[in-house]
C-alpha atoms as a PDB file:
ATOM      1  CA  UNK A   1    -104.647 -50.454  55.897  1.00  0.00           C
ATOM      2  CA  UNK A   2    -102.896 -53.852  55.815  1.00  0.00           C
ATOM      3  CA  UNK A   3    -103.431 -56.435  58.533  1.00  0.00           C
ATOM      4  CA  UNK A   4     -99.752 -56.263  59.524  1.00  0.00           C
ATOM      5  CA  UNK A   5     -99.936 -52.505  60.000  1.00  0.00           C
ATOM      6  CA  UNK A   6    -103.154 -52.835  62.014  1.00  0.00           C
ATOM      7  CA  UNK A   7    -101.547 -55.475  64.209  1.00  0.00           C
ATOM      8  CA  UNK A   8     -98.403 -53.410  64.671  1.00  0.00           C
ATOM      9  CA  UNK A   9    -100.318 -50.278  65.646  1.00  0.00           C
ATOM     10  CA  UNK A  10    -102.527 -52.251  68.037  1.00  0.00           C
ATOM     11  CA  UNK A  11     -99.569 -53.892  69.752  1.00  0.00           C
ATOM     12  CA  UNK A  12     -97.680 -50.595  69.991  1.00  0.00           C
ATOM     13  CA  UNK A  13    -100.727 -48.922  71.550  1.00  0.00           C
ATOM     14  CA  UNK A  14    -101.048 -51.725  74.115  1.00  0.00           C
ATOM     15  CA  UNK A  15     -97.329 -51.651  74.872  1.00  0.00           C
ATOM     16  CA  UNK A  16     -97.262 -47.874  75.250  1.00  0.00           C
ATOM     17  CA  UNK A  17    -100.217 -47.987  77.640  1.00  0.00           C
ATOM     18  CA  UNK A  18     -98.269 -50.576  79.609  1.00  0.00           C
ATOM     19  CA  UNK A  19     -95.194 -48.322  79.634  1.00  0.00           C
ATOM     20  CA  UNK A  20     -97.256 -45.428  80.961  1.00  0.00           C
ATOM     21  CA  UNK A  21     -97.916 -47.440  84.125  1.00  0.00           C
ATOM     22  CA  UNK A  22     -94.263 -46.810  85.031  1.00  0.00           C
ATOM     23  CA  UNK A  23     -95.418 -43.320  85.991  1.00  0.00           C
ATOM     24  CA  UNK A  24     -96.967 -44.920  89.084  1.00  0.00           C
ATOM     25  CA  UNK A  25     -93.577 -46.273  90.238  1.00  0.00           C
ATOM     26  CA  UNK A  26     -91.136 -44.366  92.461  1.00  0.00           C
ATOM     27  CA  UNK A  27     -87.651 -44.760  90.984  1.00  0.00           C
ATOM     28  CA  UNK A  28     -84.454 -43.775  92.821  1.00  0.00           C
ATOM     29  CA  UNK A  29     -83.359 -40.505  91.155  1.00  0.00           C
ATOM     30  CA  UNK A  30     -79.625 -40.391  90.276  1.00  0.00           C
ATOM     31  CA  UNK A  31     -77.611 -37.604  91.890  1.00  0.00           C
ATOM     32  CA  UNK A  32     -77.163 -35.698  88.618  1.00  0.00           C
ATOM     33  CA  UNK A  33     -80.971 -35.452  88.278  1.00  0.00           C
ATOM     34  CA  UNK A  34     -81.753 -34.549  91.895  1.00  0.00           C
ATOM     35  CA  UNK A  35     -82.871 -31.007  91.031  1.00  0.00           C
ATOM     36  CA  UNK A  36     -85.358 -32.287  88.475  1.00  0.00           C
ATOM     37  CA  UNK A  37     -89.024 -32.707  89.377  1.00  0.00           C
ATOM     38  CA  UNK A  38     -89.755 -36.432  90.010  1.00  0.00           C
ATOM     39  CA  UNK A  39     -92.625 -36.496  87.491  1.00  0.00           C
ATOM     40  CA  UNK A  40     -90.422 -34.904  84.803  1.00  0.00           C
ATOM     41  CA  UNK A  41     -87.729 -37.492  85.512  1.00  0.00           C
ATOM     42  CA  UNK A  42     -90.332 -40.261  85.144  1.00  0.00           C
ATOM     43  CA  UNK A  43     -91.424 -38.871  81.784  1.00  0.00           C
ATOM     44  CA  UNK A  44     -87.813 -38.893  80.589  1.00  0.00           C
ATOM     45  CA  UNK A  45     -87.411 -42.515  81.709  1.00  0.00           C
ATOM     46  CA  UNK A  46     -90.276 -43.453  79.360  1.00  0.00           C
ATOM     47  CA  UNK A  47     -88.159 -42.530  76.327  1.00  0.00           C
ATOM     48  CA  UNK A  48     -86.014 -45.690  76.297  1.00  0.00           C
ATOM     49  CA  UNK A  49     -88.824 -48.259  76.726  1.00  0.00           C
ATOM     50  CA  UNK A  50     -90.899 -46.436  74.091  1.00  0.00           C
ATOM     51  CA  UNK A  51     -88.052 -46.509  71.561  1.00  0.00           C
ATOM     52  CA  UNK A  52     -87.297 -50.159  72.286  1.00  0.00           C
ATOM     53  CA  UNK A  53     -91.008 -50.952  72.083  1.00  0.00           C
ATOM     54  CA  UNK A  54     -91.242 -49.418  68.624  1.00  0.00           C
ATOM     55  CA  UNK A  55     -88.200 -51.386  67.447  1.00  0.00           C
ATOM     56  CA  UNK A  56     -89.605 -54.609  68.940  1.00  0.00           C
ATOM     57  CA  UNK A  57     -92.962 -54.151  67.204  1.00  0.00           C
ATOM     58  CA  UNK A  58     -91.301 -53.510  63.838  1.00  0.00           C
ATOM     59  CA  UNK A  59     -89.055 -56.572  64.251  1.00  0.00           C
ATOM     60  CA  UNK A  60     -91.895 -58.793  65.447  1.00  0.00           C
ATOM     61  CA  UNK A  61     -94.273 -57.776  62.650  1.00  0.00           C
ATOM     62  CA  UNK A  62     -91.559 -58.307  60.033  1.00  0.00           C
ATOM     63  CA  UNK A  63     -90.400 -61.715  61.270  1.00  0.00           C
ATOM     64  CA  UNK A  64     -93.044 -63.527  63.335  1.00  0.00           C
ATOM     65  CA  UNK A  65     -94.840 -65.163  60.398  1.00  0.00           C
ATOM     66  CA  UNK A  66     -91.508 -66.313  58.959  1.00  0.00           C
ATOM     67  CA  UNK A  67     -90.779 -68.331  62.098  1.00  0.00           C
ATOM     68  CA  UNK A  68     -94.351 -69.468  62.855  1.00  0.00           C
ATOM     69  CA  UNK A  69     -94.848 -67.278  65.918  1.00  0.00           C
ATOM     70  CA  UNK A  70     -98.287 -65.758  66.297  1.00  0.00           C
ATOM     71  CA  UNK A  71    -100.564 -63.243  67.988  1.00  0.00           C
ATOM     72  CA  UNK A  72    -103.687 -65.283  67.248  1.00  0.00           C
ATOM     73  CA  UNK A  73    -106.402 -63.636  69.342  1.00  0.00           C
ATOM     74  CA  UNK A  74    -105.653 -60.019  68.434  1.00  0.00           C
ATOM     75  CA  UNK A  75    -105.112 -61.009  64.793  1.00  0.00           C
ATOM     76  CA  UNK A  76    -108.486 -62.789  64.716  1.00  0.00           C
ATOM     77  CA  UNK A  77    -110.238 -59.814  66.314  1.00  0.00           C
ATOM     78  CA  UNK A  78    -108.710 -57.467  63.733  1.00  0.00           C
ATOM     79  CA  UNK A  79    -110.053 -59.797  61.048  1.00  0.00           C
ATOM     80  CA  UNK A  80    -113.451 -59.745  62.844  1.00  0.00           C
ATOM     81  CA  UNK A  81    -113.278 -63.502  63.408  1.00  0.00           C
ATOM     82  CA  UNK A  82    -114.644 -63.456  66.954  1.00  0.00           C
ATOM     83  CA  UNK A  83    -115.427 -67.156  67.049  1.00  0.00           C
ATOM     84  CA  UNK A  84    -111.817 -68.161  66.452  1.00  0.00           C
ATOM     85  CA  UNK A  85    -110.613 -65.478  68.859  1.00  0.00           C
ATOM     86  CA  UNK A  86    -112.846 -66.850  71.625  1.00  0.00           C
ATOM     87  CA  UNK A  87    -111.776 -70.452  70.998  1.00  0.00           C
ATOM     88  CA  UNK A  88    -108.059 -69.632  70.996  1.00  0.00           C
ATOM     89  CA  UNK A  89    -108.334 -67.281  73.982  1.00  0.00           C
ATOM     90  CA  UNK A  90    -109.997 -69.979  76.095  1.00  0.00           C
ATOM     91  CA  UNK A  91    -107.020 -72.265  75.424  1.00  0.00           C
ATOM     92  CA  UNK A  92    -104.529 -69.472  76.120  1.00  0.00           C
ATOM     93  CA  UNK A  93    -106.293 -68.559  79.340  1.00  0.00           C
ATOM     94  CA  UNK A  94    -106.118 -72.124  80.619  1.00  0.00           C
ATOM     95  CA  UNK A  95    -102.399 -72.503  80.010  1.00  0.00           C
ATOM     96  CA  UNK A  96    -101.436 -68.901  80.764  1.00  0.00           C
ATOM     97  CA  UNK A  97    -103.167 -68.718  84.136  1.00  0.00           C
ATOM     98  CA  UNK A  98    -101.936 -72.129  85.328  1.00  0.00           C
ATOM     99  CA  UNK A  99     -98.311 -71.799  84.208  1.00  0.00           C
ATOM    100  CA  UNK A 100     -98.043 -68.159  85.200  1.00  0.00           C
ATOM    101  CA  UNK A 101     -99.490 -68.702  88.671  1.00  0.00           C
ATOM    102  CA  UNK A 102     -97.257 -71.737  89.219  1.00  0.00           C
ATOM    103  CA  UNK A 103     -94.127 -69.825  88.180  1.00  0.00           C
ATOM    104  CA  UNK A 104     -95.022 -66.889  90.413  1.00  0.00           C
ATOM    105  CA  UNK A 105     -95.743 -69.207  93.334  1.00  0.00           C
ATOM    106  CA  UNK A 106     -92.318 -70.844  92.997  1.00  0.00           C
ATOM    107  CA  UNK A 107     -90.614 -67.437  92.966  1.00  0.00           C
ATOM    108  CA  UNK A 108     -92.413 -66.097  96.034  1.00  0.00           C
ATOM    109  CA  UNK A 109     -91.778 -69.323  97.961  1.00  0.00           C
ATOM    110  CA  UNK A 110     -88.079 -69.033  97.083  1.00  0.00           C
ATOM    111  CA  UNK A 111     -88.090 -65.447  98.346  1.00  0.00           C
ATOM    112  CA  UNK A 112     -89.352 -66.579 101.753  1.00  0.00           C
ATOM    113  CA  UNK A 113     -86.039 -68.318 102.478  1.00  0.00           C
ATOM    114  CA  UNK A 114     -84.602 -66.453 105.517  1.00  0.00           C
ATOM    115  CA  UNK A 115     -81.336 -65.623 103.737  1.00  0.00           C
ATOM    116  CA  UNK A 116     -83.276 -63.924 100.928  1.00  0.00           C
ATOM    117  CA  UNK A 117     -86.367 -62.433 102.528  1.00  0.00           C
ATOM    118  CA  UNK A 118     -84.752 -59.277 103.933  1.00  0.00           C
ATOM    119  CA  UNK A 119     -83.227 -58.149 100.624  1.00  0.00           C
ATOM    120  CA  UNK A 120     -86.309 -59.242  98.677  1.00  0.00           C
ATOM    121  CA  UNK A 121     -88.495 -57.027 100.869  1.00  0.00           C
ATOM    122  CA  UNK A 122     -86.014 -54.156 100.571  1.00  0.00           C
ATOM    123  CA  UNK A 123     -86.030 -54.492  96.789  1.00  0.00           C
ATOM    124  CA  UNK A 124     -89.793 -54.117  96.462  1.00  0.00           C
ATOM    125  CA  UNK A 125     -90.230 -51.543  99.215  1.00  0.00           C
ATOM    126  CA  UNK A 126     -87.505 -49.256  97.841  1.00  0.00           C
ATOM    127  CA  UNK A 127     -88.755 -49.513  94.266  1.00  0.00           C
ATOM    128  CA  UNK A 128     -92.399 -49.241  95.334  1.00  0.00           C
ATOM    129  CA  UNK A 129     -93.551 -51.227  92.304  1.00  0.00           C
ATOM    130  CA  UNK A 130     -97.310 -50.741  91.967  1.00  0.00           C
ATOM    131  CA  UNK A 131     -99.795 -53.406  90.953  1.00  0.00           C
ATOM    132  CA  UNK A 132    -100.635 -51.337  87.888  1.00  0.00           C
ATOM    133  CA  UNK A 133     -97.000 -51.343  86.769  1.00  0.00           C
ATOM    134  CA  UNK A 134     -96.626 -55.067  87.432  1.00  0.00           C
ATOM    135  CA  UNK A 135     -99.560 -55.887  85.191  1.00  0.00           C
ATOM    136  CA  UNK A 136     -99.166 -53.079  82.639  1.00  0.00           C
ATOM    137  CA  UNK A 137     -95.422 -52.807  82.076  1.00  0.00           C
ATOM    138  CA  UNK A 138     -94.503 -56.273  83.344  1.00  0.00           C
ATOM    139  CA  UNK A 139     -97.376 -58.170  81.831  1.00  0.00           C
ATOM    140  CA  UNK A 140     -97.760 -56.394  78.498  1.00  0.00           C
ATOM    141  CA  UNK A 141     -94.799 -54.183  77.591  1.00  0.00           C
ATOM    142  CA  UNK A 142     -92.084 -56.586  78.714  1.00  0.00           C
ATOM    143  CA  UNK A 143     -93.677 -59.406  76.739  1.00  0.00           C
ATOM    144  CA  UNK A 144     -93.750 -57.257  73.602  1.00  0.00           C
ATOM    145  CA  UNK A 145     -90.090 -56.332  74.145  1.00  0.00           C
ATOM    146  CA  UNK A 146     -88.724 -59.709  75.190  1.00  0.00           C
ATOM    147  CA  UNK A 147     -90.983 -62.157  73.405  1.00  0.00           C
ATOM    148  CA  UNK A 148     -92.475 -60.466  70.330  1.00  0.00           C
ATOM    149  CA  UNK A 149     -89.330 -58.490  69.568  1.00  0.00           C
ATOM    150  CA  UNK A 150     -86.244 -60.207  70.962  1.00  0.00           C
ATOM    151  CA  UNK A 151     -87.260 -63.875  70.997  1.00  0.00           C
ATOM    152  CA  UNK A 152     -88.734 -63.606  67.498  1.00  0.00           C
ATOM    153  CA  UNK A 153     -85.478 -62.049  66.273  1.00  0.00           C
ATOM    154  CA  UNK A 154     -83.397 -64.781  67.917  1.00  0.00           C
ATOM    155  CA  UNK A 155     -85.504 -67.553  66.372  1.00  0.00           C
ATOM    156  CA  UNK A 156     -85.150 -65.969  62.945  1.00  0.00           C
ATOM    157  CA  UNK A 157     -81.377 -65.412  63.276  1.00  0.00           C
ATOM    158  CA  UNK A 158     -80.737 -68.930  64.576  1.00  0.00           C
ATOM    159  CA  UNK A 159     -82.865 -70.457  61.808  1.00  0.00           C
ATOM    160  CA  UNK A 160     -80.869 -68.521  59.226  1.00  0.00           C
ATOM    161  CA  UNK A 161     -77.544 -69.583  60.738  1.00  0.00           C
ATOM    162  CA  UNK A 162     -78.462 -73.262  61.134  1.00  0.00           C
ATOM    163  CA  UNK A 163     -80.707 -73.507  58.054  1.00  0.00           C
ATOM    164  CA  UNK A 164     -83.379 -75.217  60.143  1.00  0.00           C
ATOM    165  CA  UNK A 165     -86.387 -74.302  62.249  1.00  0.00           C
ATOM    166  CA  UNK A 166     -86.917 -77.004  64.862  1.00  0.00           C
ATOM    167  CA  UNK A 167     -87.504 -77.366  68.603  1.00  0.00           C
ATOM    168  CA  UNK A 168     -83.837 -76.659  69.375  1.00  0.00           C
ATOM    169  CA  UNK A 169     -84.066 -73.373  67.472  1.00  0.00           C
ATOM    170  CA  UNK A 170     -86.945 -72.190  69.628  1.00  0.00           C
ATOM    171  CA  UNK A 171     -85.416 -73.357  72.903  1.00  0.00           C
ATOM    172  CA  UNK A 172     -82.111 -71.617  72.218  1.00  0.00           C
ATOM    173  CA  UNK A 173     -84.020 -68.420  71.439  1.00  0.00           C
ATOM    174  CA  UNK A 174     -86.119 -68.815  74.603  1.00  0.00           C
ATOM    175  CA  UNK A 175     -82.997 -69.324  76.735  1.00  0.00           C
ATOM    176  CA  UNK A 176     -81.145 -66.367  75.189  1.00  0.00           C
ATOM    177  CA  UNK A 177     -84.070 -63.972  75.650  1.00  0.00           C
ATOM    178  CA  UNK A 178     -84.579 -65.323  79.179  1.00  0.00           C
ATOM    179  CA  UNK A 179     -80.941 -64.632  80.086  1.00  0.00           C
ATOM    180  CA  UNK A 180     -81.215 -61.043  78.884  1.00  0.00           C
ATOM    181  CA  UNK A 181     -84.539 -60.597  80.690  1.00  0.00           C
ATOM    182  CA  UNK A 182     -83.083 -61.850  83.974  1.00  0.00           C
ATOM    183  CA  UNK A 183     -79.865 -59.839  83.695  1.00  0.00           C
ATOM    184  CA  UNK A 184     -81.921 -56.767  82.794  1.00  0.00           C
ATOM    185  CA  UNK A 185     -83.224 -56.692  86.384  1.00  0.00           C
ATOM    186  CA  UNK A 186     -79.749 -56.156  87.854  1.00  0.00           C
ATOM    187  CA  UNK A 187     -79.648 -52.326  87.463  1.00  0.00           C
ATOM    188  CA  UNK A 188     -82.881 -52.031  89.476  1.00  0.00           C
ATOM    189  CA  UNK A 189     -81.511 -54.442  92.090  1.00  0.00           C
ATOM    190  CA  UNK A 190     -78.307 -52.439  92.595  1.00  0.00           C
ATOM    191  CA  UNK A 191     -80.309 -49.198  92.729  1.00  0.00           C
ATOM    192  CA  UNK A 192     -82.775 -50.506  95.324  1.00  0.00           C
ATOM    193  CA  UNK A 193     -80.702 -52.870  97.484  1.00  0.00           C
ATOM    194  CA  UNK A 194     -77.467 -51.735  99.156  1.00  0.00           C
ATOM    195  CA  UNK A 195     -74.767 -54.363  98.641  1.00  0.00           C
ATOM    196  CA  UNK A 196     -76.911 -57.254  97.364  1.00  0.00           C
ATOM    197  CA  UNK A 197     -75.531 -60.639  98.278  1.00  0.00           C
ATOM    198  CA  UNK A 198     -74.437 -63.179  95.693  1.00  0.00           C
ATOM    199  CA  UNK A 199     -77.292 -65.415  96.816  1.00  0.00           C
ATOM    200  CA  UNK A 200     -79.823 -62.651  96.188  1.00  0.00           C
ATOM    201  CA  UNK A 201     -78.394 -61.976  92.709  1.00  0.00           C
ATOM    202  CA  UNK A 202     -78.664 -65.697  91.937  1.00  0.00           C
ATOM    203  CA  UNK A 203     -82.263 -65.608  93.165  1.00  0.00           C
ATOM    204  CA  UNK A 204     -83.015 -62.659  90.846  1.00  0.00           C
ATOM    205  CA  UNK A 205     -81.551 -64.602  87.919  1.00  0.00           C
ATOM    206  CA  UNK A 206     -83.307 -67.875  88.717  1.00  0.00           C
ATOM    207  CA  UNK A 207     -86.646 -66.333  89.713  1.00  0.00           C
ATOM    208  CA  UNK A 208     -86.958 -64.200  86.610  1.00  0.00           C
ATOM    209  CA  UNK A 209     -85.751 -67.087  84.454  1.00  0.00           C
ATOM    210  CA  UNK A 210     -88.536 -69.356  85.740  1.00  0.00           C
ATOM    211  CA  UNK A 211     -91.167 -66.823  84.688  1.00  0.00           C
ATOM    212  CA  UNK A 212     -89.461 -65.990  81.393  1.00  0.00           C
ATOM    213  CA  UNK A 213     -88.984 -69.611  80.323  1.00  0.00           C
ATOM    214  CA  UNK A 214     -92.688 -70.245  80.927  1.00  0.00           C
ATOM    215  CA  UNK A 215     -93.672 -67.187  78.894  1.00  0.00           C
ATOM    216  CA  UNK A 216     -91.279 -68.093  76.093  1.00  0.00           C
ATOM    217  CA  UNK A 217     -92.715 -71.587  75.795  1.00  0.00           C
ATOM    218  CA  UNK A 218     -96.255 -70.200  75.774  1.00  0.00           C
ATOM    219  CA  UNK A 219     -95.446 -67.671  73.043  1.00  0.00           C
ATOM    220  CA  UNK A 220     -94.043 -70.491  70.937  1.00  0.00           C
ATOM    221  CA  UNK A 221     -96.829 -72.985  71.536  1.00  0.00           C
ATOM    222  CA  UNK A 222     -99.949 -70.907  72.263  1.00  0.00           C
ATOM    223  CA  UNK A 223     -99.324 -67.381  70.984  1.00  0.00           C
ATOM    224  CA  UNK A 224     -98.212 -64.040  72.425  1.00  0.00           C
ATOM    225  CA  UNK A 225    -101.401 -63.414  74.387  1.00  0.00           C
ATOM    226  CA  UNK A 226    -100.788 -66.595  76.419  1.00  0.00           C
ATOM    227  CA  UNK A 227     -97.354 -65.274  77.415  1.00  0.00           C
ATOM    228  CA  UNK A 228     -98.902 -61.947  78.469  1.00  0.00           C
ATOM    229  CA  UNK A 229    -101.516 -63.757  80.572  1.00  0.00           C
ATOM    230  CA  UNK A 230     -98.835 -65.910  82.218  1.00  0.00           C
ATOM    231  CA  UNK A 231     -96.628 -62.935  83.044  1.00  0.00           C
ATOM    232  CA  UNK A 232     -99.579 -61.106  84.589  1.00  0.00           C
ATOM    233  CA  UNK A 233    -100.663 -64.118  86.648  1.00  0.00           C
ATOM    234  CA  UNK A 234     -97.112 -64.684  87.857  1.00  0.00           C
ATOM    235  CA  UNK A 235     -97.482 -61.275  89.501  1.00  0.00           C
ATOM    236  CA  UNK A 236    -100.931 -62.233  90.791  1.00  0.00           C
ATOM    237  CA  UNK A 237     -99.353 -65.232  92.517  1.00  0.00           C
ATOM    238  CA  UNK A 238     -96.434 -63.223  93.887  1.00  0.00           C
ATOM    239  CA  UNK A 239     -98.736 -60.580  95.375  1.00  0.00           C
ATOM    240  CA  UNK A 240    -101.480 -62.873  96.690  1.00  0.00           C
ATOM    241  CA  UNK A 241     -99.227 -65.584  98.153  1.00  0.00           C
ATOM    242  CA  UNK A 242     -96.871 -62.920  99.491  1.00  0.00           C
ATOM    243  CA  UNK A 243     -99.730 -61.439 101.511  1.00  0.00           C
ATOM    244  CA  UNK A 244    -100.484 -64.846 102.997  1.00  0.00           C
ATOM    245  CA  UNK A 245     -96.910 -65.658 104.040  1.00  0.00           C
END
């Protein structure tokens, strides 16, 4: 089995395990599905993220090396180079934890603004997002979808269009994938919050963009695992600081 296939299968397995954590979340069931058992509805909702995950893994495996984007720790472990994996992971951990926690802290402090706090609390209480889903789907699966799949594709497309692969290429790709990531939260917002205010929608865009920009930079500079760590620790900050406020 080739190294690329091993890496692809490993990443898909990790992403699918992350997607399964959505089963712990209570989603609002649309009226046309009201007669369906909630667990059956949850299983059906796994279809889309699983399909998109598969596409993202295929795209990422095909293009990441061409645009110098890496999954260094997992790749080293698959090659049984534990020493390099440990060295790289220590660096990723340092940057991922610090940047992720900082981004999450900024978001939760923003949410404490009186004009936002009521709808922010309604959003999370109505969705009932579990810690497992935050770390599993948010930390792992979303990074495979948005960073390994989408951002890698954007970098490759932009490099082909501009005939260059420089800092601007990566930043444009980071910003584009960040915009889609932030906008992708709107359906959940409208499902969980009755009549969200413009200010709250701006907060959703800005808050998710802060986290996504950090993860995008880390994927570019430190590897995919650093982005996963940062995304997870953004949630650590949001939960822990939120309990203190």
